[in-house]
PDB file of N, CA and C in Angstrom:
ATOM      1  N   UNK A   1       1.252  -1.250   0.025  1.00  0.00           N
ATOM      2  CA  UNK A   1      -0.164   0.093   0.046  1.00  0.00           C
ATOM      3  C   UNK A   1       1.232   1.365  -0.193  1.00  0.00           C
ATOM      4  N   UNK A   2       1.893   1.095   0.479  1.00  0.00           N
ATOM      5  CA  UNK A   2       2.730   2.230   0.808  1.00  0.00           C
ATOM      6  C   UNK A   2       3.348   2.716  -0.591  1.00  0.00           C
ATOM      7  N   UNK A   3       3.713   1.588  -1.212  1.00  0.00           N
ATOM      8  CA  UNK A   3       4.301   1.905  -2.511  1.00  0.00           C
ATOM      9  C   UNK A   3       3.172   2.527  -3.458  1.00  0.00           C
ATOM     10  N   UNK A   4       1.827   2.031  -3.488  1.00  0.00           N
ATOM     11  CA  UNK A   4       0.823   2.518  -4.414  1.00  0.00           C
ATOM     12  C   UNK A   4       1.199   4.415  -3.743  1.00  0.00           C
ATOM     13  N   UNK A   5       0.859   4.670  -2.665  1.00  0.00           N
ATOM     14  CA  UNK A   5       1.054   6.072  -2.362  1.00  0.00           C
ATOM     15  C   UNK A   5       2.386   6.863  -2.834  1.00  0.00           C
ATOM     16  N   UNK A   6       3.385   6.091  -2.771  1.00  0.00           N
ATOM     17  CA  UNK A   6       4.582   6.868  -3.682  1.00  0.00           C
ATOM     18  C   UNK A   6       4.440   6.670  -5.090  1.00  0.00           C
ATOM     19  N   UNK A   7       3.803   5.868  -5.687  1.00  0.00           N
ATOM     20  CA  UNK A   7       3.574   5.953  -7.155  1.00  0.00           C
ATOM     21  C   UNK A   7       2.504   7.040  -7.449  1.00  0.00           C
ATOM     22  N   UNK A   8       1.578   7.406  -6.679  1.00  0.00           N
ATOM     23  CA  UNK A   8       0.213   8.115  -7.488  1.00  0.00           C
ATOM     24  C   UNK A   8       0.985  10.059  -6.567  1.00  0.00           C
ATOM     25  N   UNK A   9       2.179  10.014  -5.711  1.00  0.00           N
ATOM     26  CA  UNK A   9       2.720  11.076  -5.764  1.00  0.00           C
ATOM     27  C   UNK A   9       3.636  11.484  -6.724  1.00  0.00           C
ATOM     28  N   UNK A  10       4.512  10.299  -7.207  1.00  0.00           N
ATOM     29  CA  UNK A  10       5.149  10.738  -8.552  1.00  0.00           C
ATOM     30  C   UNK A  10       4.532  10.878  -9.413  1.00  0.00           C
ATOM     31  N   UNK A  11       3.469  10.111  -9.921  1.00  0.00           N
ATOM     32  CA  UNK A  11       2.579  10.654 -10.867  1.00  0.00           C
ATOM     33  C   UNK A  11       2.206  12.086 -10.970  1.00  0.00           C
ATOM     34  N   UNK A  12       1.473  12.755  -9.681  1.00  0.00           N
ATOM     35  CA  UNK A  12       0.878  14.016  -9.558  1.00  0.00           C
ATOM     36  C   UNK A  12       2.214  14.984  -9.592  1.00  0.00           C
ATOM     37  N   UNK A  13       3.280  14.568  -8.972  1.00  0.00           N
ATOM     38  CA  UNK A  13       4.533  15.256  -9.232  1.00  0.00           C
ATOM     39  C   UNK A  13       4.884  15.432 -11.028  1.00  0.00           C
ATOM     40  N   UNK A  14       4.652  14.764 -11.653  1.00  0.00           N
ATOM     41  CA  UNK A  14       4.858  14.473 -12.913  1.00  0.00           C
ATOM     42  C   UNK A  14       4.137  15.368 -13.813  1.00  0.00           C
ATOM     43  N   UNK A  15       2.757  15.419 -13.161  1.00  0.00           N
ATOM     44  CA  UNK A  15       2.062  16.380 -14.042  1.00  0.00           C
ATOM     45  C   UNK A  15       2.036  17.494 -13.485  1.00  0.00           C
ATOM     46  N   UNK A  16       2.704  17.645 -12.685  1.00  0.00           N
ATOM     47  CA  UNK A  16       2.653  19.461 -12.102  1.00  0.00           C
ATOM     48  C   UNK A  16       3.752  19.854 -12.962  1.00  0.00           C
ATOM     49  N   UNK A  17       5.017  18.969 -13.196  1.00  0.00           N
ATOM     50  CA  UNK A  17       5.968  19.631 -13.833  1.00  0.00           C
ATOM     51  C   UNK A  17       6.024  19.641 -15.295  1.00  0.00           C
ATOM     52  N   UNK A  18       5.313  18.804 -15.849  1.00  0.00           N
ATOM     53  CA  UNK A  18       4.748  19.015 -17.192  1.00  0.00           C
ATOM     54  C   UNK A  18       3.421  18.269 -17.586  1.00  0.00           C
ATOM     55  N   UNK A  19       2.630  18.959 -17.358  1.00  0.00           N
ATOM     56  CA  UNK A  19       1.015  18.438 -17.492  1.00  0.00           C
ATOM     57  C   UNK A  19       0.821  17.643 -18.804  1.00  0.00           C
ATOM     58  N   UNK A  20       1.352  18.269 -19.574  1.00  0.00           N
ATOM     59  CA  UNK A  20       1.377  17.107 -21.066  1.00  0.00           C
ATOM     60  C   UNK A  20       1.599  15.700 -21.073  1.00  0.00           C
ATOM     61  N   UNK A  21       3.260  15.500 -20.622  1.00  0.00           N
ATOM     62  CA  UNK A  21       3.714  14.429 -20.462  1.00  0.00           C
ATOM     63  C   UNK A  21       3.214  13.948 -19.506  1.00  0.00           C
ATOM     64  N   UNK A  22       2.750  14.393 -18.451  1.00  0.00           N
ATOM     65  CA  UNK A  22       2.384  13.523 -17.208  1.00  0.00           C
ATOM     66  C   UNK A  22       0.967  13.039 -17.384  1.00  0.00           C
ATOM     67  N   UNK A  23       0.348  13.714 -18.295  1.00  0.00           N
ATOM     68  CA  UNK A  23      -1.024  12.676 -18.701  1.00  0.00           C
ATOM     69  C   UNK A  23      -0.677  11.411 -19.823  1.00  0.00           C
ATOM     70  N   UNK A  24       0.225  11.813 -20.334  1.00  0.00           N
ATOM     71  CA  UNK A  24       0.795  10.613 -21.497  1.00  0.00           C
ATOM     72  C   UNK A  24       1.486   9.823 -20.520  1.00  0.00           C
ATOM     73  N   UNK A  25       2.239   9.495 -19.447  1.00  0.00           N
ATOM     74  CA  UNK A  25       3.128   8.773 -18.390  1.00  0.00           C
ATOM     75  C   UNK A  25       2.222   8.167 -18.053  1.00  0.00           C
ATOM     76  N   UNK A  26       0.755   8.800 -17.292  1.00  0.00           N
ATOM     77  CA  UNK A  26      -0.260   7.924 -16.503  1.00  0.00           C
ATOM     78  C   UNK A  26      -0.864   6.850 -17.998  1.00  0.00           C
ATOM     79  N   UNK A  27      -1.325   7.530 -18.611  1.00  0.00           N
ATOM     80  CA  UNK A  27      -1.859   6.663 -20.009  1.00  0.00           C
ATOM     81  C   UNK A  27      -0.715   5.174 -20.227  1.00  0.00           C
ATOM     82  N   UNK A  28       0.463   5.437 -20.230  1.00  0.00           N
ATOM     83  CA  UNK A  28       1.478   4.442 -20.617  1.00  0.00           C
ATOM     84  C   UNK A  28       1.526   3.311 -19.339  1.00  0.00           C
ATOM     85  N   UNK A  29       1.407   4.035 -18.380  1.00  0.00           N
ATOM     86  CA  UNK A  29       1.345   3.068 -17.083  1.00  0.00           C
ATOM     87  C   UNK A  29       0.143   2.170 -17.068  1.00  0.00           C
ATOM     88  N   UNK A  30      -1.061   2.732 -17.846  1.00  0.00           N
ATOM     89  CA  UNK A  30      -2.382   2.026 -17.862  1.00  0.00           C
ATOM     90  C   UNK A  30      -2.045   1.066 -18.588  1.00  0.00           C
ATOM     91  N   UNK A  31      -1.652   1.241 -19.755  1.00  0.00           N
ATOM     92  CA  UNK A  31      -1.051   0.199 -20.903  1.00  0.00           C
ATOM     93  C   UNK A  31      -0.272  -0.760 -20.241  1.00  0.00           C
ATOM     94  N   UNK A  32       0.855  -0.579 -19.821  1.00  0.00           N
ATOM     95  CA  UNK A  32       1.203  -1.675 -19.224  1.00  0.00           C
ATOM     96  C   UNK A  32       1.007  -2.516 -18.103  1.00  0.00           C
ATOM     97  N   UNK A  33      -0.157  -1.760 -17.384  1.00  0.00           N
ATOM     98  CA  UNK A  33      -0.887  -2.902 -16.451  1.00  0.00           C
ATOM     99  C   UNK A  33      -1.745  -3.514 -17.300  1.00  0.00           C
ATOM    100  N   UNK A  34      -2.213  -3.056 -18.182  1.00  0.00           N
ATOM    101  CA  UNK A  34      -3.149  -4.250 -19.002  1.00  0.00           C
ATOM    102  C   UNK A  34      -2.219  -4.998 -19.620  1.00  0.00           C
ATOM    103  N   UNK A  35      -1.106  -4.790 -20.207  1.00  0.00           N
ATOM    104  CA  UNK A  35      -0.365  -5.884 -20.879  1.00  0.00           C
ATOM    105  C   UNK A  35       0.257  -6.875 -19.535  1.00  0.00           C
ATOM    106  N   UNK A  36       0.298  -6.299 -18.390  1.00  0.00           N
ATOM    107  CA  UNK A  36       1.315  -7.062 -17.423  1.00  0.00           C
ATOM    108  C   UNK A  36       0.323  -7.050 -16.101  1.00  0.00           C
ATOM    109  N   UNK A  37      -0.974  -7.125 -16.012  1.00  0.00           N
ATOM    110  CA  UNK A  37      -1.362  -7.145 -14.652  1.00  0.00           C
ATOM    111  C   UNK A  37      -0.954  -7.654 -13.457  1.00  0.00           C
ATOM    112  N   UNK A  38      -0.627  -8.653 -13.632  1.00  0.00           N
ATOM    113  CA  UNK A  38       0.474  -9.445 -12.546  1.00  0.00           C
ATOM    114  C   UNK A  38       1.994  -8.694 -12.040  1.00  0.00           C
ATOM    115  N   UNK A  39       2.477  -7.290 -12.858  1.00  0.00           N
ATOM    116  CA  UNK A  39       3.625  -6.959 -13.047  1.00  0.00           C
ATOM    117  C   UNK A  39       3.512  -5.991 -11.297  1.00  0.00           C
ATOM    118  N   UNK A  40       4.813  -5.852 -10.880  1.00  0.00           N
ATOM    119  CA  UNK A  40       4.883  -5.125  -9.482  1.00  0.00           C
ATOM    120  C   UNK A  40       5.416  -3.762  -9.967  1.00  0.00           C
ATOM    121  N   UNK A  41       4.798  -2.524  -9.395  1.00  0.00           N
ATOM    122  CA  UNK A  41       5.482  -1.159  -9.739  1.00  0.00           C
ATOM    123  C   UNK A  41       6.067  -1.030  -8.404  1.00  0.00           C
ATOM    124  N   UNK A  42       7.180  -0.392  -8.785  1.00  0.00           N
ATOM    125  CA  UNK A  42       7.782   0.656  -7.735  1.00  0.00           C
ATOM    126  C   UNK A  42       8.554   1.586  -8.334  1.00  0.00           C
ATOM    127  N   UNK A  43       8.532   2.806  -7.542  1.00  0.00           N
ATOM    128  CA  UNK A  43       9.254   3.972  -7.602  1.00  0.00           C
ATOM    129  C   UNK A  43      10.397   3.873  -7.470  1.00  0.00           C
ATOM    130  N   UNK A  44      11.319   4.159  -8.429  1.00  0.00           N
ATOM    131  CA  UNK A  44      12.642   3.527  -8.506  1.00  0.00           C
ATOM    132  C   UNK A  44      13.698   4.226  -9.357  1.00  0.00           C
ATOM    133  N   UNK A  45      15.004   4.955  -9.141  1.00  0.00           N
ATOM    134  CA  UNK A  45      15.506   5.494 -10.184  1.00  0.00           C
ATOM    135  C   UNK A  45      14.867   6.888 -10.736  1.00  0.00           C
ATOM    136  N   UNK A  46      13.892   7.522  -9.837  1.00  0.00           N
ATOM    137  CA  UNK A  46      13.241   8.558 -10.169  1.00  0.00           C
ATOM    138  C   UNK A  46      11.952   8.306 -11.130  1.00  0.00           C
ATOM    139  N   UNK A  47      11.666   6.852 -11.219  1.00  0.00           N
ATOM    140  CA  UNK A  47      10.680   6.748 -12.288  1.00  0.00           C
ATOM    141  C   UNK A  47       9.672   5.280 -11.732  1.00  0.00           C
ATOM    142  N   UNK A  48       9.043   4.979 -12.627  1.00  0.00           N
ATOM    143  CA  UNK A  48       8.662   4.020 -12.001  1.00  0.00           C
ATOM    144  C   UNK A  48       9.141   2.651 -13.060  1.00  0.00           C
ATOM    145  N   UNK A  49       9.199   1.448 -12.255  1.00  0.00           N
ATOM    146  CA  UNK A  49       9.434   0.265 -13.070  1.00  0.00           C
ATOM    147  C   UNK A  49       8.986  -0.846 -12.882  1.00  0.00           C
ATOM    148  N   UNK A  50       8.785  -1.748 -13.818  1.00  0.00           N
ATOM    149  CA  UNK A  50       7.509  -2.569 -13.829  1.00  0.00           C
ATOM    150  C   UNK A  50       8.182  -3.921 -13.498  1.00  0.00           C
ATOM    151  N   UNK A  51       8.062  -4.891 -12.596  1.00  0.00           N
ATOM    152  CA  UNK A  51       8.754  -6.093 -12.419  1.00  0.00           C
ATOM    153  C   UNK A  51       8.086  -7.029 -12.558  1.00  0.00           C
ATOM    154  N   UNK A  52       8.555  -8.208 -12.913  1.00  0.00           N
ATOM    155  CA  UNK A  52       8.082  -9.545 -13.593  1.00  0.00           C
ATOM    156  C   UNK A  52       8.913 -10.511 -12.464  1.00  0.00           C
ATOM    157  N   UNK A  53       8.395 -11.684 -12.384  1.00  0.00           N
ATOM    158  CA  UNK A  53       9.422 -12.783 -11.652  1.00  0.00           C
ATOM    159  C   UNK A  53      10.553 -12.960 -12.712  1.00  0.00           C
ATOM    160  N   UNK A  54      11.990 -12.266 -11.649  1.00  0.00           N
ATOM    161  CA  UNK A  54      12.936 -12.745 -12.275  1.00  0.00           C
ATOM    162  C   UNK A  54      14.129 -11.162 -12.853  1.00  0.00           C
ATOM    163  N   UNK A  55      13.048 -10.146 -13.019  1.00  0.00           N
ATOM    164  CA  UNK A  55      13.337  -8.913 -13.815  1.00  0.00           C
ATOM    165  C   UNK A  55      12.535  -8.387 -13.691  1.00  0.00           C
ATOM    166  N   UNK A  56      13.293  -6.770 -14.252  1.00  0.00           N
ATOM    167  CA  UNK A  56      12.168  -5.550 -14.033  1.00  0.00           C
ATOM    168  C   UNK A  56      12.223  -5.405 -15.566  1.00  0.00           C
ATOM    169  N   UNK A  57      11.272  -5.495 -16.438  1.00  0.00           N
ATOM    170  CA  UNK A  57      11.057  -5.949 -17.932  1.00  0.00           C
ATOM    171  C   UNK A  57      10.942  -4.044 -18.518  1.00  0.00           C
ATOM    172  N   UNK A  58      10.518  -3.331 -17.780  1.00  0.00           N
ATOM    173  CA  UNK A  58      10.419  -1.919 -18.199  1.00  0.00           C
ATOM    174  C   UNK A  58       9.993  -0.598 -17.372  1.00  0.00           C
ATOM    175  N   UNK A  59      10.508   0.527 -17.532  1.00  0.00           N
ATOM    176  CA  UNK A  59      10.371   1.385 -16.914  1.00  0.00           C
ATOM    177  C   UNK A  59       9.869   2.721 -17.205  1.00  0.00           C
ATOM    178  N   UNK A  60       9.323   3.418 -17.014  1.00  0.00           N
ATOM    179  CA  UNK A  60       8.951   4.645 -17.069  1.00  0.00           C
ATOM    180  C   UNK A  60       9.578   6.124 -16.508  1.00  0.00           C
ATOM    181  N   UNK A  61       9.821   6.815 -17.279  1.00  0.00           N
ATOM    182  CA  UNK A  61      10.621   8.491 -16.809  1.00  0.00           C
ATOM    183  C   UNK A  61      10.544   9.504 -17.478  1.00  0.00           C
ATOM    184  N   UNK A  62      10.201  10.641 -16.469  1.00  0.00           N
ATOM    185  CA  UNK A  62       9.887  11.672 -17.322  1.00  0.00           C
ATOM    186  C   UNK A  62      11.456  12.380 -17.438  1.00  0.00           C
ATOM    187  N   UNK A  63      11.611  13.241 -18.400  1.00  0.00           N
ATOM    188  CA  UNK A  63      12.879  13.712 -18.558  1.00  0.00           C
ATOM    189  C   UNK A  63      12.618  15.018 -19.328  1.00  0.00           C
ATOM    190  N   UNK A  64      13.276  15.841 -19.387  1.00  0.00           N
ATOM    191  CA  UNK A  64      12.928  17.441 -19.299  1.00  0.00           C
ATOM    192  C   UNK A  64      11.730  17.679 -20.529  1.00  0.00           C
ATOM    193  N   UNK A  65      11.951  17.208 -21.809  1.00  0.00           N
ATOM    194  CA  UNK A  65      11.211  17.108 -23.006  1.00  0.00           C
ATOM    195  C   UNK A  65      10.717  15.963 -23.450  1.00  0.00           C
ATOM    196  N   UNK A  66      10.729  14.677 -22.948  1.00  0.00           N
ATOM    197  CA  UNK A  66      10.298  13.530 -23.480  1.00  0.00           C
ATOM    198  C   UNK A  66       9.807  12.603 -22.251  1.00  0.00           C
ATOM    199  N   UNK A  67       9.375  11.348 -22.847  1.00  0.00           N
ATOM    200  CA  UNK A  67       9.224  10.086 -21.444  1.00  0.00           C
ATOM    201  C   UNK A  67      10.259   9.321 -22.512  1.00  0.00           C
ATOM    202  N   UNK A  68      11.073   8.554 -20.887  1.00  0.00           N
ATOM    203  CA  UNK A  68      11.998   7.523 -21.854  1.00  0.00           C
ATOM    204  C   UNK A  68      11.010   6.198 -21.109  1.00  0.00           C
ATOM    205  N   UNK A  69      10.686   5.197 -21.998  1.00  0.00           N
ATOM    206  CA  UNK A  69      10.390   4.051 -21.970  1.00  0.00           C
ATOM    207  C   UNK A  69      11.366   3.378 -22.260  1.00  0.00           C
ATOM    208  N   UNK A  70      11.852   2.433 -20.786  1.00  0.00           N
ATOM    209  CA  UNK A  70      13.209   1.808 -20.738  1.00  0.00           C
ATOM    210  C   UNK A  70      12.811   0.271 -20.868  1.00  0.00           C
ATOM    211  N   UNK A  71      13.528  -0.771 -21.967  1.00  0.00           N
ATOM    212  CA  UNK A  71      13.355  -1.991 -21.349  1.00  0.00           C
ATOM    213  C   UNK A  71      14.562  -2.730 -21.208  1.00  0.00           C
ATOM    214  N   UNK A  72      14.326  -3.543 -20.121  1.00  0.00           N
ATOM    215  CA  UNK A  72      15.569  -4.386 -19.585  1.00  0.00           C
ATOM    216  C   UNK A  72      16.571  -5.035 -20.594  1.00  0.00           C
ATOM    217  N   UNK A  73      15.648  -5.844 -21.772  1.00  0.00           N
ATOM    218  CA  UNK A  73      16.422  -6.829 -22.412  1.00  0.00           C
ATOM    219  C   UNK A  73      15.781  -6.183 -24.055  1.00  0.00           C
ATOM    220  N   UNK A  74      16.090  -5.015 -23.923  1.00  0.00           N
ATOM    221  CA  UNK A  74      15.918  -4.248 -25.101  1.00  0.00           C
ATOM    222  C   UNK A  74      16.361  -4.273 -26.667  1.00  0.00           C
ATOM    223  N   UNK A  75      17.480  -5.031 -26.093  1.00  0.00           N
ATOM    224  CA  UNK A  75      18.844  -5.504 -27.151  1.00  0.00           C
ATOM    225  C   UNK A  75      18.385  -6.668 -28.350  1.00  0.00           C
ATOM    226  N   UNK A  76      17.342  -7.350 -27.516  1.00  0.00           N
ATOM    227  CA  UNK A  76      16.497  -8.414 -28.206  1.00  0.00           C
ATOM    228  C   UNK A  76      15.173  -8.231 -28.696  1.00  0.00           C
ATOM    229  N   UNK A  77      14.656  -6.999 -28.599  1.00  0.00           N
ATOM    230  CA  UNK A  77      13.420  -6.609 -29.610  1.00  0.00           C
ATOM    231  C   UNK A  77      13.781  -6.108 -30.706  1.00  0.00           C
ATOM    232  N   UNK A  78      12.530  -6.907 -31.654  1.00  0.00           N
ATOM    233  CA  UNK A  78      12.399  -6.814 -32.908  1.00  0.00           C
ATOM    234  C   UNK A  78      12.153  -5.142 -33.563  1.00  0.00           C
ATOM    235  N   UNK A  79      13.185  -4.598 -33.922  1.00  0.00           N
ATOM    236  CA  UNK A  79      12.931  -2.988 -34.265  1.00  0.00           C
ATOM    237  C   UNK A  79      13.743  -2.344 -35.490  1.00  0.00           C
ATOM    238  N   UNK A  80      12.689  -3.014 -36.706  1.00  0.00           N
ATOM    239  CA  UNK A  80      12.902  -2.665 -38.177  1.00  0.00           C
ATOM    240  C   UNK A  80      12.981  -1.351 -38.212  1.00  0.00           C
ATOM    241  N   UNK A  81      12.218  -0.577 -37.860  1.00  0.00           N
ATOM    242  CA  UNK A  81      12.077   1.067 -37.726  1.00  0.00           C
ATOM    243  C   UNK A  81      13.300   1.466 -37.165  1.00  0.00           C
ATOM    244  N   UNK A  82      13.782   0.915 -36.577  1.00  0.00           N
ATOM    245  CA  UNK A  82      15.058   1.897 -35.754  1.00  0.00           C
ATOM    246  C   UNK A  82      14.559   2.682 -34.558  1.00  0.00           C
ATOM    247  N   UNK A  83      13.480   2.854 -33.897  1.00  0.00           N
ATOM    248  CA  UNK A  83      13.077   3.733 -33.017  1.00  0.00           C
ATOM    249  C   UNK A  83      13.651   3.528 -31.528  1.00  0.00           C
ATOM    250  N   UNK A  84      13.918   2.171 -31.383  1.00  0.00           N
ATOM    251  CA  UNK A  84      14.599   2.330 -30.283  1.00  0.00           C
ATOM    252  C   UNK A  84      16.098   3.027 -29.974  1.00  0.00           C
ATOM    253  N   UNK A  85      16.523   3.217 -28.827  1.00  0.00           N
ATOM    254  CA  UNK A  85      17.544   3.824 -28.776  1.00  0.00           C
ATOM    255  C   UNK A  85      18.575   3.365 -27.594  1.00  0.00           C
ATOM    256  N   UNK A  86      19.917   3.293 -27.790  1.00  0.00           N
ATOM    257  CA  UNK A  86      20.734   3.299 -26.732  1.00  0.00           C
ATOM    258  C   UNK A  86      21.471   2.008 -27.187  1.00  0.00           C
ATOM    259  N   UNK A  87      22.785   2.223 -26.618  1.00  0.00           N
ATOM    260  CA  UNK A  87      23.720   1.218 -27.285  1.00  0.00           C
ATOM    261  C   UNK A  87      24.566   0.466 -26.242  1.00  0.00           C
ATOM    262  N   UNK A  88      23.766   0.513 -24.994  1.00  0.00           N
ATOM    263  CA  UNK A  88      24.137  -0.290 -23.643  1.00  0.00           C
ATOM    264  C   UNK A  88      24.228  -1.972 -24.072  1.00  0.00           C
ATOM    265  N   UNK A  89      24.706  -2.825 -23.276  1.00  0.00           N
ATOM    266  CA  UNK A  89      24.864  -4.133 -23.813  1.00  0.00           C
ATOM    267  C   UNK A  89      23.689  -4.914 -23.586  1.00  0.00           C
ATOM    268  N   UNK A  90      22.387  -4.128 -22.869  1.00  0.00           N
ATOM    269  CA  UNK A  90      21.006  -5.007 -22.931  1.00  0.00           C
ATOM    270  C   UNK A  90      19.819  -4.145 -23.215  1.00  0.00           C
ATOM    271  N   UNK A  91      19.820  -2.726 -22.490  1.00  0.00           N
ATOM    272  CA  UNK A  91      19.016  -1.695 -22.524  1.00  0.00           C
ATOM    273  C   UNK A  91      18.628  -1.270 -23.596  1.00  0.00           C
ATOM    274  N   UNK A  92      17.489  -0.822 -23.931  1.00  0.00           N
ATOM    275  CA  UNK A  92      17.433   0.246 -24.783  1.00  0.00           C
ATOM    276  C   UNK A  92      15.975   0.782 -24.337  1.00  0.00           C
ATOM    277  N   UNK A  93      15.673   2.129 -25.327  1.00  0.00           N
ATOM    278  CA  UNK A  93      14.568   2.765 -24.699  1.00  0.00           C
ATOM    279  C   UNK A  93      13.932   3.605 -25.903  1.00  0.00           C
ATOM    280  N   UNK A  94      12.618   4.290 -25.470  1.00  0.00           N
ATOM    281  CA  UNK A  94      11.980   4.870 -26.643  1.00  0.00           C
ATOM    282  C   UNK A  94      11.782   6.287 -25.964  1.00  0.00           C
ATOM    283  N   UNK A  95      11.989   7.243 -26.923  1.00  0.00           N
ATOM    284  CA  UNK A  95      11.440   8.580 -26.523  1.00  0.00           C
ATOM    285  C   UNK A  95      10.658   9.299 -27.130  1.00  0.00           C
ATOM    286  N   UNK A  96       9.665   9.598 -25.820  1.00  0.00           N
ATOM    287  CA  UNK A  96       8.239   9.643 -26.284  1.00  0.00           C
ATOM    288  C   UNK A  96       8.048  11.461 -25.952  1.00  0.00           C
ATOM    289  N   UNK A  97       7.872  12.168 -26.984  1.00  0.00           N
ATOM    290  CA  UNK A  97       7.874  13.235 -26.836  1.00  0.00           C
ATOM    291  C   UNK A  97       6.248  14.051 -27.042  1.00  0.00           C
ATOM    292  N   UNK A  98       5.224  13.243 -27.673  1.00  0.00           N
ATOM    293  CA  UNK A  98       3.742  13.609 -27.436  1.00  0.00           C
ATOM    294  C   UNK A  98       3.047  12.000 -27.959  1.00  0.00           C
ATOM    295  N   UNK A  99       1.297  12.459 -27.807  1.00  0.00           N
ATOM    296  CA  UNK A  99       0.672  11.664 -27.565  1.00  0.00           C
ATOM    297  C   UNK A  99       0.669  10.513 -29.243  1.00  0.00           C
ATOM    298  N   UNK A 100       0.958  11.446 -30.149  1.00  0.00           N
ATOM    299  CA  UNK A 100       1.010  10.712 -31.209  1.00  0.00           C
ATOM    300  C   UNK A 100       2.162   9.413 -31.421  1.00  0.00           C
ATOM    301  N   UNK A 101       3.263   9.901 -30.806  1.00  0.00           N
ATOM    302  CA  UNK A 101       4.515   9.065 -30.820  1.00  0.00           C
ATOM    303  C   UNK A 101       3.836   7.753 -30.318  1.00  0.00           C
ATOM    304  N   UNK A 102       3.160   7.446 -29.411  1.00  0.00           N
ATOM    305  CA  UNK A 102       2.747   6.333 -28.800  1.00  0.00           C
ATOM    306  C   UNK A 102       2.383   5.394 -29.905  1.00  0.00           C
ATOM    307  N   UNK A 103       1.815   5.670 -30.832  1.00  0.00           N
ATOM    308  CA  UNK A 103       1.286   4.848 -31.891  1.00  0.00           C
ATOM    309  C   UNK A 103       2.403   4.794 -32.935  1.00  0.00           C
ATOM    310  N   UNK A 104       2.717   5.655 -33.668  1.00  0.00           N
ATOM    311  CA  UNK A 104       4.098   5.957 -34.611  1.00  0.00           C
ATOM    312  C   UNK A 104       5.247   5.188 -34.457  1.00  0.00           C
ATOM    313  N   UNK A 105       5.316   5.177 -33.018  1.00  0.00           N
ATOM    314  CA  UNK A 105       6.726   4.363 -32.391  1.00  0.00           C
ATOM    315  C   UNK A 105       6.464   3.252 -31.879  1.00  0.00           C
ATOM    316  N   UNK A 106       5.173   2.461 -32.019  1.00  0.00           N
ATOM    317  CA  UNK A 106       4.615   1.541 -31.886  1.00  0.00           C
ATOM    318  C   UNK A 106       5.018   0.951 -30.339  1.00  0.00           C
ATOM    319  N   UNK A 107       4.800   1.884 -29.250  1.00  0.00           N
ATOM    320  CA  UNK A 107       5.062   1.377 -27.986  1.00  0.00           C
ATOM    321  C   UNK A 107       4.596   0.006 -27.309  1.00  0.00           C
ATOM    322  N   UNK A 108       2.920  -0.169 -28.236  1.00  0.00           N
ATOM    323  CA  UNK A 108       2.559  -1.091 -27.158  1.00  0.00           C
ATOM    324  C   UNK A 108       3.262  -2.356 -27.776  1.00  0.00           C
ATOM    325  N   UNK A 109       3.533  -2.320 -29.188  1.00  0.00           N
ATOM    326  CA  UNK A 109       3.920  -3.588 -29.453  1.00  0.00           C
ATOM    327  C   UNK A 109       5.499  -4.115 -28.861  1.00  0.00           C
ATOM    328  N   UNK A 110       6.207  -3.205 -28.652  1.00  0.00           N
ATOM    329  CA  UNK A 110       7.642  -2.982 -27.475  1.00  0.00           C
ATOM    330  C   UNK A 110       7.174  -3.596 -26.206  1.00  0.00           C
ATOM    331  N   UNK A 111       6.108  -2.954 -25.552  1.00  0.00           N
ATOM    332  CA  UNK A 111       6.158  -3.519 -24.263  1.00  0.00           C
ATOM    333  C   UNK A 111       5.580  -5.019 -24.303  1.00  0.00           C
ATOM    334  N   UNK A 112       4.709  -5.156 -25.298  1.00  0.00           N
ATOM    335  CA  UNK A 112       4.226  -6.593 -25.080  1.00  0.00           C
ATOM    336  C   UNK A 112       5.183  -7.275 -25.484  1.00  0.00           C
ATOM    337  N   UNK A 113       6.122  -7.419 -26.291  1.00  0.00           N
ATOM    338  CA  UNK A 113       7.342  -8.171 -27.129  1.00  0.00           C
ATOM    339  C   UNK A 113       8.122  -7.949 -25.734  1.00  0.00           C
ATOM    340  N   UNK A 114       8.706  -7.037 -24.861  1.00  0.00           N
ATOM    341  CA  UNK A 114       9.595  -7.192 -24.104  1.00  0.00           C
ATOM    342  C   UNK A 114       9.052  -8.055 -22.757  1.00  0.00           C
ATOM    343  N   UNK A 115       7.940  -8.059 -22.300  1.00  0.00           N
ATOM    344  CA  UNK A 115       7.234  -8.465 -21.289  1.00  0.00           C
ATOM    345  C   UNK A 115       7.144 -10.171 -21.490  1.00  0.00           C
ATOM    346  N   UNK A 116       7.023 -10.597 -22.635  1.00  0.00           N
ATOM    347  CA  UNK A 116       6.976 -11.897 -22.942  1.00  0.00           C
ATOM    348  C   UNK A 116       8.396 -12.731 -23.582  1.00  0.00           C
ATOM    349  N   UNK A 117       9.154 -11.764 -23.402  1.00  0.00           N
ATOM    350  CA  UNK A 117      10.610 -12.389 -23.366  1.00  0.00           C
ATOM    351  C   UNK A 117      10.880 -13.608 -22.259  1.00  0.00           C
ATOM    352  N   UNK A 118      11.336 -14.497 -22.985  1.00  0.00           N
ATOM    353  CA  UNK A 118      11.653 -15.369 -21.507  1.00  0.00           C
ATOM    354  C   UNK A 118      13.694 -15.211 -21.541  1.00  0.00           C
ATOM    355  N   UNK A 119      13.698 -15.526 -20.213  1.00  0.00           N
ATOM    356  CA  UNK A 119      15.247 -15.191 -19.780  1.00  0.00           C
ATOM    357  C   UNK A 119      15.969 -16.684 -19.322  1.00  0.00           C
TER     358      UNK A 119
END
């Protein structure tokens, strides 16, 4: 219950800092919870991470001018359009600057694919 209060407070802070992106990050959170209803949410690293048994499969972070959706095993995701960014060993992320990019950058596809990866 305490973690839920922390998440709600963080979402309120996000909306205060950037009302437009704050609403988008709330929508993205709802999408993740629909795709992975049994995932555990946690405030960590200044954002919200989503855990499933054995790993933190994704996270939502508010940056100055965009939302970063980070994927723990992003290097395994199929990305023929090269939307994913990052050059680390494992992680990749999407930068979302407005509501339209949720669809154009196929956010839901990447969330589902990452959630379904077997480690």
